[in-house]
Amino acid sequence: MDRHPNTDGSFDNLPVVSVGELAQALKRYIEQGFETVRVRGEITGFKRAASGHLYFSLKDADACLDSVCWRMAAGRLAMSPADGLDVIATGRLTTYPDRSRYQLVVDRLEPAGEGALLKMLEERRRRLAEEGLFDADRKRPLPYLPEVIGVVTSPTGAVIRDILHRLADRFPRRVLLWPVLVQGTEAAVQIAAAIEGFNRLKPRAAVPRPDLLIVARGGGSLEDLWAFNEEIVVRAVAASEIPVISAVGHETDTTLIDFAADLRAPTPSAAAEMAVPVRLDLAARLSNLRTRLIAGVGRSVEERRGRLLAAVRGLPRPQGLLAVGRQRLDDWGERLQQGLSVGIERRRQRLAHAAGRLGSPMPRIAHQRSRLEAEGRALDAALRANLTQRQSRLRQSAALLASFSYQKVLERGFAIVQNPAGRVVTGVAGLAAGMRVVLRLADGKAGATIDGRPAPRGGKRGAEGQGTLL
């Protein structure tokens, strides 16, 4: 796009381009000129977007470079970015036309030196230790013979095969594998999730909760093992209710989970050896204990038999001990018999003396019987007089009641008129022409019909207004 000015110094002969065309030209120029670069700088302004992309800046004393790492590449990073890390980023330069900015698209990220990682590792170890995550009193004893062992490691590496082989040689146990990545930016999240997932299992479920956890991977560089130094993994190990053995790397490798775990194993195979005893050794030990127990019980029995025999020899003869007691019992029996006879005789004499002092009760009984008979005769006479009086009053009341009975009125020629419903008619207002009524007389009932319109009491009477009974 280089153009020389006109002879008069103007640039009128240059073509006019749009802003977008210029931005795309600059983008192609920068991408072709800086297709692959390695940049060293300190990470600042780091953030992880919801999409999984990483955004941060690389800076030094002279400049600042915007950087982005797309989600697919972020999953392959050997370390987790964080503010303050001195790193070497490998990628390509490109532009972001919307904001007229250039940026580095990162494909790889590595520490700018092991010293930087070690410094950050030491600072993290000191901070977590101050929180008490590495205290010795937090360590729990391992179960002597766990029924179920949970293993957190890669399903494809040699580590799980070594653990299973060593367990089969020593004491076969049920093993639950939680497959995870053991390297890369996603490894720490998966390892922590596996530890927490094992802790959430129920003891007697279809997939039972393990009695012991082994977190393991093979050896590697500090960057390769960095996932086991991440804070999320260390806190998951420290918070685990299940005892944890850390078996990361070789014997010389040390990670932060080694301090948080309940026991550190130098290798994954050594972790399997620490997890279970040797079955043959255990059987031999049990046999030895059985032999020692039988011998100890035999010695104890013999010792007690000797002590018992010695005690028997020091005891007097049982016949001699019983002779004195038998003679004393005979003496007491004889004295008891004599005492009972004397006591009974004395009480018999006292009873006869008391009976002689008592008089005969018959005269008193005869007197009380005579009084009772006299009082009975008087009571009987009073009851008969009262009964006669009450019967006379009852007959008088019955005669008076009969004199007021409506039956006596009927016997004098009166009648009771009842309507068809059986109710008594007390006045002409309750009658109507042609109405059927019942006449109740002294010696029975008769039916009748009202003929004509009944006249009320006090009204004008005549031949036409007089009602008749038929």
Protein backbone atom coordinates (compact mmCIF):
# COMPACT_ATOMS: atom_id res chain seq x y z
CA MET A 1 0.00 0.00 0.00
CA ASP A 2 3.02 2.28 -0.16
CA ARG A 3 2.45 5.29 -2.41
CA HIS A 4 4.85 8.10 -3.27
CA PRO A 5 3.62 11.73 -3.02
CA ASN A 6 3.06 13.90 -6.05
CA THR A 7 5.68 16.35 -7.20
CA ASP A 8 3.89 19.06 -5.23
CA GLY A 9 3.97 16.94 -2.06
CA SER A 10 0.28 15.95 -2.05
CA PHE A 11 -1.17 12.42 -1.91
CA ASP A 12 -4.18 12.95 -4.12
CA ASN A 13 -3.22 9.98 -6.24
CA LEU A 14 -3.67 7.53 -3.27
CA PRO A 15 -6.82 5.36 -3.42
CA VAL A 16 -9.40 5.90 -0.70
CA VAL A 17 -10.17 2.82 1.46
CA SER A 18 -12.80 2.19 4.13
CA VAL A 19 -12.00 1.77 7.79
CA GLY A 20 -12.90 -1.93 7.58
CA GLU A 21 -10.62 -2.47 4.58
CA LEU A 22 -7.76 -0.80 6.38
CA ALA A 23 -8.41 -2.87 9.54
CA GLN A 24 -8.43 -6.12 7.55
CA ALA A 25 -5.22 -5.12 5.75
CA LEU A 26 -3.52 -4.44 9.07
CA LYS A 27 -4.85 -7.76 10.44
CA ARG A 28 -3.37 -9.72 7.51
CA TYR A 29 -0.10 -7.84 7.77
CA ILE A 30 0.35 -8.50 11.49
CA GLU A 31 -0.76 -12.15 11.32
CA GLN A 32 1.61 -12.88 8.44
CA GLY A 33 4.50 -11.04 10.04
CA PHE A 34 4.05 -12.52 13.56
CA GLU A 35 2.61 -15.96 12.83
CA THR A 36 4.35 -17.55 15.84
CA VAL A 37 5.91 -15.67 18.72
CA ARG A 38 7.02 -16.41 22.27
CA VAL A 39 6.48 -13.59 24.73
CA ARG A 40 7.61 -13.36 28.33
CA GLY A 41 5.68 -11.25 30.80
CA GLU A 42 3.70 -11.12 34.03
CA ILE A 43 0.01 -12.09 33.94
CA THR A 44 -2.35 -9.35 35.04
CA GLY A 45 -6.12 -8.84 34.84
CA PHE A 46 -6.79 -12.57 34.47
CA LYS A 47 -10.42 -13.68 34.06
CA ARG A 48 -12.19 -16.80 32.81
CA ALA A 49 -15.33 -16.17 30.74
CA ALA A 50 -18.46 -18.31 31.02
CA SER A 51 -17.63 -19.68 27.57
CA GLY A 52 -14.35 -21.11 28.92
CA HIS A 53 -12.12 -18.59 27.12
CA LEU A 54 -9.30 -16.96 29.12
CA TYR A 55 -8.54 -13.24 28.96
CA PHE A 56 -5.49 -11.55 30.51
CA SER A 57 -2.61 -9.19 29.76
CA LEU A 58 1.12 -9.75 29.67
CA LYS A 59 3.17 -6.84 30.95
CA ASP A 60 6.72 -5.90 31.76
CA ALA A 61 8.34 -2.63 32.71
CA ASP A 62 7.93 -1.15 29.20
CA ALA A 63 4.63 -2.35 27.71
CA CYS A 64 1.41 -4.33 28.09
CA LEU A 65 0.04 -6.91 25.62
CA ASP A 66 -3.61 -8.06 25.58
CA SER A 67 -3.87 -11.86 25.35
CA VAL A 68 -6.63 -14.41 24.85
CA CYS A 69 -6.64 -18.20 25.09
CA TRP A 70 -9.58 -19.96 23.47
CA ARG A 71 -11.43 -22.70 25.37
CA MET A 72 -9.97 -25.65 23.43
CA ALA A 73 -6.41 -24.43 23.95
CA ALA A 74 -7.12 -23.55 27.59
CA GLY A 75 -7.93 -27.20 28.31
CA ARG A 76 -4.47 -28.21 27.08
CA LEU A 77 -2.45 -25.69 29.09
CA ALA A 78 0.19 -27.22 31.34
CA MET A 79 -0.51 -24.71 34.11
CA SER A 80 -3.37 -22.63 35.43
CA PRO A 81 -2.94 -18.90 34.73
CA ALA A 82 -3.13 -16.52 37.68
CA ASP A 83 -2.33 -12.90 38.31
CA GLY A 84 1.30 -12.27 39.18
CA LEU A 85 2.76 -15.32 37.42
CA ASP A 86 5.83 -14.74 35.28
CA VAL A 87 5.19 -16.84 32.17
CA ILE A 88 6.28 -17.48 28.60
CA ALA A 89 3.31 -17.45 26.22
CA THR A 90 3.51 -19.03 22.77
CA GLY A 91 0.99 -18.00 20.11
CA ARG A 92 0.32 -15.67 17.23
CA LEU A 93 -0.44 -11.98 16.97
CA THR A 94 -3.71 -10.78 15.55
CA THR A 95 -5.90 -7.71 15.76
CA TYR A 96 -9.35 -6.98 17.17
CA PRO A 97 -10.75 -4.56 14.57
CA ASP A 98 -13.76 -3.56 16.66
CA ARG A 99 -11.46 -1.73 19.10
CA SER A 100 -8.40 -1.14 16.89
CA ARG A 101 -6.28 -3.28 19.24
CA TYR A 102 -3.83 -6.04 18.62
CA GLN A 103 -3.61 -9.11 20.88
CA LEU A 104 -1.80 -12.38 21.37
CA VAL A 105 -3.75 -15.61 20.79
CA VAL A 106 -2.08 -18.00 23.24
CA ASP A 107 -1.67 -21.71 22.38
CA ARG A 108 0.83 -22.66 25.09
CA LEU A 109 1.68 -21.25 28.50
CA GLU A 110 4.66 -22.17 30.65
CA PRO A 111 6.33 -20.59 33.65
CA ALA A 112 9.18 -18.25 32.88
CA GLY A 113 11.33 -20.37 35.14
CA GLU A 114 10.97 -23.02 37.79
CA GLY A 115 11.99 -20.46 40.35
CA ALA A 116 8.80 -18.48 39.75
CA LEU A 117 6.65 -21.56 40.24
CA LEU A 118 8.54 -22.58 43.35
CA LYS A 119 8.09 -19.11 44.80
CA MET A 120 4.36 -19.18 44.17
CA LEU A 121 4.18 -22.74 45.52
CA GLU A 122 5.93 -21.74 48.74
CA GLU A 123 3.67 -18.75 49.25
CA ARG A 124 0.59 -20.95 48.77
CA ARG A 125 1.95 -23.62 51.11
CA ARG A 126 2.64 -21.03 53.81
CA ARG A 127 -0.84 -19.48 53.48
CA LEU A 128 -2.65 -22.83 53.65
CA ALA A 129 -0.50 -23.93 56.58
CA GLU A 130 -1.48 -20.79 58.48
CA GLU A 131 -5.14 -21.80 57.98
CA GLY A 132 -4.39 -25.10 59.72
CA LEU A 133 -4.98 -27.37 56.70
CA PHE A 134 -1.69 -29.18 57.29
CA ASP A 135 -1.94 -29.58 61.10
CA ALA A 136 -0.96 -32.98 62.45
CA ASP A 137 -4.06 -33.21 64.66
CA ARG A 138 -6.20 -33.24 61.50
CA LYS A 139 -4.62 -36.49 60.34
CA ARG A 140 -6.82 -39.55 60.76
CA PRO A 141 -5.67 -43.17 61.09
CA LEU A 142 -6.20 -45.38 58.08
CA PRO A 143 -8.59 -48.35 58.38
CA TYR A 144 -6.64 -51.54 58.98
CA LEU A 145 -8.46 -53.54 56.32
CA PRO A 146 -10.76 -51.35 54.15
CA GLU A 147 -13.62 -53.09 52.36
CA VAL A 148 -13.75 -50.57 49.48
CA ILE A 149 -10.87 -48.41 48.19
CA GLY A 150 -11.52 -45.38 45.98
CA VAL A 151 -8.82 -44.36 43.49
CA VAL A 152 -8.66 -40.94 41.83
CA THR A 153 -6.34 -41.08 38.82
CA SER A 154 -6.22 -41.40 35.04
CA PRO A 155 -7.96 -44.54 33.74
CA THR A 156 -5.41 -45.05 30.94
CA GLY A 157 -2.07 -44.69 32.71
CA ALA A 158 0.14 -47.29 34.34
CA VAL A 159 -0.74 -45.97 37.79
CA ILE A 160 -4.12 -47.71 38.13
CA ARG A 161 -2.65 -50.97 36.80
CA ASP A 162 0.16 -50.83 39.37
CA ILE A 163 -2.30 -50.17 42.21
CA LEU A 164 -4.64 -53.00 41.17
CA HIS A 165 -1.74 -55.43 40.71
CA ARG A 166 -0.24 -54.64 44.11
CA LEU A 167 -3.62 -54.93 45.86
CA ALA A 168 -4.25 -58.30 44.19
CA ASP A 169 -0.84 -59.54 45.42
CA ARG A 170 -1.29 -58.33 49.00
CA PHE A 171 -5.00 -58.50 49.86
CA PRO A 172 -7.65 -58.22 47.11
CA ARG A 173 -10.20 -55.50 47.86
CA ARG A 174 -13.03 -53.88 45.94
CA VAL A 175 -11.67 -50.85 44.04
CA LEU A 176 -13.74 -47.94 42.69
CA LEU A 177 -11.99 -45.82 40.06
CA TRP A 178 -13.03 -42.21 39.50
CA PRO A 179 -11.34 -41.33 36.17
CA VAL A 180 -9.88 -37.81 35.95
CA LEU A 181 -7.33 -35.82 34.01
CA VAL A 182 -4.07 -35.61 35.94
CA GLN A 183 -2.50 -32.80 33.89
CA GLY A 184 -3.77 -29.58 32.36
CA THR A 185 -5.99 -26.74 33.46
CA GLU A 186 -9.09 -28.95 33.81
CA ALA A 187 -7.30 -31.55 35.94
CA ALA A 188 -7.56 -29.70 39.27
CA VAL A 189 -11.34 -29.22 38.94
CA GLN A 190 -11.88 -32.89 38.06
CA ILE A 191 -9.67 -34.18 40.89
CA ALA A 192 -11.45 -32.02 43.48
CA ALA A 193 -14.85 -33.07 42.13
CA ALA A 194 -13.85 -36.76 42.35
CA ILE A 195 -12.82 -36.45 46.02
CA GLU A 196 -16.04 -34.63 46.89
CA GLY A 197 -18.08 -37.14 44.87
CA PHE A 198 -16.65 -40.12 46.76
CA ASN A 199 -17.52 -38.39 50.05
CA ARG A 200 -21.14 -37.92 48.95
CA LEU A 201 -21.71 -41.65 48.36
CA LYS A 202 -23.81 -43.62 50.88
CA PRO A 203 -22.10 -46.45 52.81
CA ARG A 204 -24.54 -49.23 51.77
CA ALA A 205 -25.66 -47.98 48.35
CA ALA A 206 -25.28 -49.88 45.08
CA VAL A 207 -22.03 -47.95 44.63
CA PRO A 208 -20.79 -47.92 48.24
CA ARG A 209 -18.80 -45.16 49.87
CA PRO A 210 -15.07 -46.10 50.03
CA ASP A 211 -13.34 -46.61 53.38
CA LEU A 212 -10.09 -45.17 51.97
CA LEU A 213 -9.08 -42.89 49.06
CA ILE A 214 -5.87 -42.96 47.00
CA VAL A 215 -5.11 -39.86 44.89
CA ALA A 216 -2.34 -40.86 42.48
CA ARG A 217 -0.42 -40.14 39.29
CA GLY A 218 3.01 -40.95 37.89
CA GLY A 219 6.10 -38.79 37.99
CA GLY A 220 6.73 -35.66 35.98
CA SER A 221 8.04 -32.13 36.06
CA LEU A 222 6.83 -29.46 38.41
CA GLU A 223 4.52 -28.20 35.69
CA ASP A 224 3.16 -31.70 35.03
CA LEU A 225 2.28 -32.15 38.72
CA TRP A 226 0.95 -28.64 39.15
CA ALA A 227 -2.72 -29.73 39.31
CA PHE A 228 -1.98 -31.37 42.68
CA ASN A 229 -0.69 -28.04 43.98
CA GLU A 230 -3.87 -26.19 43.11
CA GLU A 231 -5.76 -24.77 46.10
CA ILE A 232 -9.07 -26.37 45.10
CA VAL A 233 -7.51 -29.85 45.26
CA VAL A 234 -5.71 -29.20 48.56
CA ARG A 235 -8.92 -28.00 50.20
CA ALA A 236 -10.87 -30.99 48.88
CA VAL A 237 -8.32 -33.38 50.39
CA ALA A 238 -8.30 -31.52 53.72
CA ALA A 239 -12.13 -31.51 53.87
CA SER A 240 -12.53 -35.19 52.97
CA GLU A 241 -14.27 -37.28 55.64
CA ILE A 242 -12.67 -40.39 54.10
CA PRO A 243 -8.96 -40.89 54.95
CA VAL A 244 -6.74 -39.99 51.97
CA ILE A 245 -3.36 -41.34 50.81
CA SER A 246 -1.52 -39.05 48.39
CA ALA A 247 0.65 -40.87 45.87
CA VAL A 248 1.75 -38.28 43.32
CA GLY A 249 4.98 -38.60 41.39
CA HIS A 250 8.11 -40.35 42.56
CA GLU A 251 9.67 -40.43 45.99
CA THR A 252 11.48 -37.12 45.46
CA ASP A 253 8.39 -35.29 44.17
CA THR A 254 6.39 -33.23 46.67
CA THR A 255 3.03 -31.58 46.12
CA LEU A 256 0.77 -29.62 48.45
CA ILE A 257 -1.75 -32.44 48.78
CA ASP A 258 1.02 -34.47 50.46
CA PHE A 259 0.75 -32.07 53.41
CA ALA A 260 -3.08 -32.13 53.48
CA ALA A 261 -3.48 -35.91 53.08
CA ASP A 262 -3.65 -38.25 56.05
CA LEU A 263 -0.66 -40.20 54.70
CA ARG A 264 1.86 -39.65 51.91
CA ALA A 265 3.12 -42.54 49.80
CA PRO A 266 6.35 -42.20 47.80
CA THR A 267 4.78 -43.98 44.79
CA PRO A 268 1.33 -45.25 43.74
CA SER A 269 2.49 -48.84 44.32
CA ALA A 270 3.60 -47.91 47.82
CA ALA A 271 0.15 -46.39 48.42
CA ALA A 272 -1.45 -49.77 47.65
CA GLU A 273 0.97 -51.42 50.10
CA MET A 274 0.01 -48.91 52.81
CA ALA A 275 -3.70 -49.40 52.12
CA VAL A 276 -3.90 -53.13 52.97
CA PRO A 277 -1.79 -55.66 54.87
CA VAL A 278 -0.29 -58.76 53.24
CA ARG A 279 -2.86 -61.51 53.50
CA LEU A 280 -0.29 -64.27 54.04
CA ASP A 281 1.49 -62.22 56.69
CA LEU A 282 -1.85 -61.56 58.36
CA ALA A 283 -2.73 -65.26 58.30
CA ALA A 284 0.67 -66.15 59.75
CA ARG A 285 0.30 -63.52 62.43
CA LEU A 286 -3.17 -64.82 63.33
CA SER A 287 -1.81 -68.36 63.52
CA ASN A 288 1.02 -67.20 65.76
CA LEU A 289 -1.41 -65.32 67.98
CA ARG A 290 -3.64 -68.40 68.16
CA THR A 291 -0.69 -70.55 69.23
CA ARG A 292 0.37 -68.02 71.83
CA LEU A 293 -3.21 -67.71 73.09
CA ILE A 294 -3.59 -71.49 73.50
CA ALA A 295 -0.23 -71.70 75.27
CA GLY A 296 -1.09 -68.78 77.53
CA VAL A 297 -4.48 -70.25 78.44
CA GLY A 298 -2.84 -73.62 79.17
CA ARG A 299 -0.25 -72.03 81.44
CA SER A 300 -2.95 -70.04 83.23
CA VAL A 301 -5.05 -73.18 83.77
CA GLU A 302 -2.07 -75.13 85.14
CA GLU A 303 -1.14 -72.27 87.44
CA ARG A 304 -4.67 -72.07 88.84
CA ARG A 305 -4.85 -75.87 89.23
CA GLY A 306 -1.66 -75.82 91.33
CA ARG A 307 -2.99 -72.98 93.48
CA LEU A 308 -6.28 -74.83 93.95
CA LEU A 309 -4.52 -78.04 95.06
CA ALA A 310 -2.40 -76.07 97.51
CA ALA A 311 -5.51 -74.44 98.94
CA VAL A 312 -7.22 -77.83 99.26
CA ARG A 313 -4.34 -79.21 101.29
CA GLY A 314 -4.65 -76.32 103.74
CA LEU A 315 -8.38 -76.82 104.33
CA PRO A 316 -9.68 -78.96 107.29
CA ARG A 317 -11.64 -82.17 106.61
CA PRO A 318 -15.28 -81.50 105.75
CA GLN A 319 -16.46 -84.29 108.06
CA GLY A 320 -14.85 -82.58 111.03
CA LEU A 321 -16.49 -79.26 110.18
CA LEU A 322 -19.88 -80.92 109.80
CA ALA A 323 -19.69 -82.95 113.03
CA VAL A 324 -19.79 -79.91 115.28
CA GLY A 325 -22.66 -78.38 113.35
CA ARG A 326 -24.62 -81.66 113.35
CA GLN A 327 -24.28 -82.03 117.14
CA ARG A 328 -25.28 -78.41 117.70
CA LEU A 329 -28.33 -78.90 115.45
CA ASP A 330 -29.45 -81.95 117.47
CA ASP A 331 -29.06 -79.99 120.70
CA TRP A 332 -31.08 -77.04 119.40
CA GLY A 333 -33.79 -79.38 118.08
CA GLU A 334 -34.24 -81.05 121.43
CA ARG A 335 -34.38 -77.72 123.26
CA LEU A 336 -36.89 -76.42 120.76
CA GLN A 337 -39.19 -79.40 121.25
CA GLN A 338 -39.13 -78.99 125.02
CA GLY A 339 -39.74 -75.25 124.76
CA LEU A 340 -42.76 -75.77 122.50
CA SER A 341 -44.35 -78.30 124.89
CA VAL A 342 -43.90 -76.05 127.92
CA GLY A 343 -45.25 -73.02 126.02
CA ILE A 344 -48.36 -74.86 124.82
CA GLU A 345 -49.18 -76.13 128.30
CA ARG A 346 -48.84 -72.67 129.81
CA ARG A 347 -51.20 -71.17 127.21
CA ARG A 348 -53.76 -73.96 127.76
CA GLN A 349 -53.84 -73.21 131.50
CA ARG A 350 -54.29 -69.47 130.91
CA LEU A 351 -57.17 -70.19 128.50
CA ALA A 352 -58.97 -72.44 131.02
CA HIS A 353 -58.57 -69.81 133.73
CA ALA A 354 -60.03 -67.10 131.49
CA ALA A 355 -62.97 -69.35 130.48
CA GLY A 356 -63.82 -69.94 134.13
CA ARG A 357 -64.08 -66.23 134.77
CA LEU A 358 -66.52 -65.66 131.92
CA GLY A 359 -70.40 -65.94 132.73
CA SER A 360 -73.06 -67.68 130.53
CA PRO A 361 -74.53 -65.37 127.78
CA MET A 362 -77.90 -67.20 127.56
CA PRO A 363 -79.93 -64.99 130.00
CA ARG A 364 -78.80 -61.87 128.18
CA ILE A 365 -79.72 -63.35 124.85
CA ALA A 366 -83.23 -64.34 126.13
CA HIS A 367 -83.86 -60.82 127.42
CA GLN A 368 -82.85 -59.21 124.12
CA ARG A 369 -85.03 -61.68 122.20
CA SER A 370 -88.08 -60.76 124.34
CA ARG A 371 -87.54 -57.05 123.71
CA LEU A 372 -87.14 -57.65 119.99
CA GLU A 373 -90.45 -59.63 119.80
CA ALA A 374 -92.39 -56.86 121.65
CA GLU A 375 -91.03 -54.18 119.35
CA GLY A 376 -91.91 -56.33 116.33
CA ARG A 377 -95.56 -56.70 117.43
CA ALA A 378 -95.88 -52.92 117.96
CA LEU A 379 -94.38 -52.20 114.55
CA ASP A 380 -96.75 -54.68 112.85
CA ALA A 381 -99.82 -53.02 114.44
CA ALA A 382 -98.67 -49.56 113.37
CA LEU A 383 -98.10 -50.74 109.79
CA ARG A 384 -101.56 -52.35 109.58
CA ALA A 385 -103.30 -49.13 110.86
CA ASN A 386 -101.37 -46.96 108.37
CA LEU A 387 -102.24 -49.33 105.50
CA THR A 388 -105.99 -49.31 106.40
CA GLN A 389 -106.00 -45.50 106.49
CA ARG A 390 -104.27 -45.20 103.09
CA GLN A 391 -106.68 -47.73 101.47
CA SER A 392 -109.72 -45.65 102.67
CA ARG A 393 -108.24 -42.46 101.22
CA LEU A 394 -107.50 -44.23 97.94
CA ARG A 395 -111.18 -45.40 97.58
CA GLN A 396 -112.42 -41.87 98.24
CA SER A 397 -110.06 -40.43 95.60
CA ALA A 398 -111.16 -43.06 93.05
CA ALA A 399 -114.86 -42.24 93.61
CA LEU A 400 -114.16 -38.52 93.19
CA LEU A 401 -112.16 -39.14 90.01
CA ALA A 402 -114.97 -41.29 88.56
CA SER A 403 -117.50 -38.52 89.25
CA PHE A 404 -115.48 -36.16 87.06
CA SER A 405 -115.01 -38.67 84.22
CA TYR A 406 -116.52 -37.76 80.81
CA GLN A 407 -118.02 -41.27 80.74
CA LYS A 408 -120.50 -40.27 83.47
CA VAL A 409 -121.48 -37.25 81.34
CA LEU A 410 -122.14 -39.52 78.36
CA GLU A 411 -124.33 -41.74 80.51
CA ARG A 412 -126.55 -38.69 81.15
CA GLY A 413 -127.37 -38.41 77.38
CA PHE A 414 -124.50 -36.33 76.04
CA ALA A 415 -122.31 -37.27 73.00
CA ILE A 416 -118.77 -36.44 71.73
CA VAL A 417 -118.51 -35.38 68.06
CA GLN A 418 -115.29 -36.29 66.19
CA ASN A 419 -114.26 -35.21 62.65
CA PRO A 420 -112.90 -37.68 60.08
CA ALA A 421 -109.37 -37.10 61.45
CA GLY A 422 -110.49 -38.27 64.85
CA ARG A 423 -110.25 -34.84 66.50
CA VAL A 424 -113.03 -33.68 68.87
CA VAL A 425 -115.30 -30.96 67.40
CA THR A 426 -116.02 -28.34 70.07
CA GLY A 427 -118.08 -25.87 68.02
CA VAL A 428 -120.17 -25.46 64.88
CA ALA A 429 -117.28 -23.66 63.25
CA GLY A 430 -115.60 -27.02 62.89
CA LEU A 431 -118.58 -28.52 60.95
CA ALA A 432 -119.58 -28.28 57.31
CA ALA A 433 -122.57 -29.43 55.27
CA GLY A 434 -122.19 -33.02 54.15
CA MET A 435 -119.30 -33.64 56.56
CA ARG A 436 -119.01 -37.12 57.98
CA VAL A 437 -118.63 -37.22 61.75
CA VAL A 438 -118.45 -39.85 64.49
CA LEU A 439 -120.75 -39.66 67.54
CA ARG A 440 -119.29 -41.23 70.66
CA LEU A 441 -122.04 -42.22 73.13
CA ALA A 442 -121.97 -43.94 76.50
CA ASP A 443 -122.35 -47.41 75.03
CA GLY A 444 -120.44 -47.04 71.72
CA LYS A 445 -119.91 -45.07 68.49
CA ALA A 446 -122.17 -44.14 65.54
CA GLY A 447 -121.58 -42.40 62.23
CA ALA A 448 -123.49 -39.29 61.11
CA THR A 449 -123.57 -36.68 58.34
CA ILE A 450 -124.05 -32.93 58.80
CA ASP A 451 -127.17 -31.85 56.90
CA GLY A 452 -127.52 -28.10 56.21
CA ARG A 453 -125.30 -25.28 57.26
CA PRO A 454 -124.73 -25.11 61.02
CA ALA A 455 -125.66 -21.78 62.68
CA PRO A 456 -123.21 -20.29 65.19
CA ARG A 457 -124.22 -19.80 68.82
CA GLY A 458 -126.28 -16.62 69.34
CA GLY A 459 -127.12 -16.37 65.59
CA LYS A 460 -130.64 -16.42 63.99
CA ARG A 461 -132.11 -19.89 63.92
CA GLY A 462 -134.71 -21.19 61.48
CA ALA A 463 -135.82 -24.20 59.70
CA GLU A 464 -133.35 -23.64 56.91
CA GLY A 465 -130.40 -22.88 59.10
CA GLN A 466 -130.89 -25.74 61.55
CA GLY A 467 -128.47 -28.57 61.00
CA THR A 468 -129.53 -32.18 61.43
CA LEU A 469 -127.66 -35.34 62.11
CA LEU A 470 -128.44 -38.35 59.98
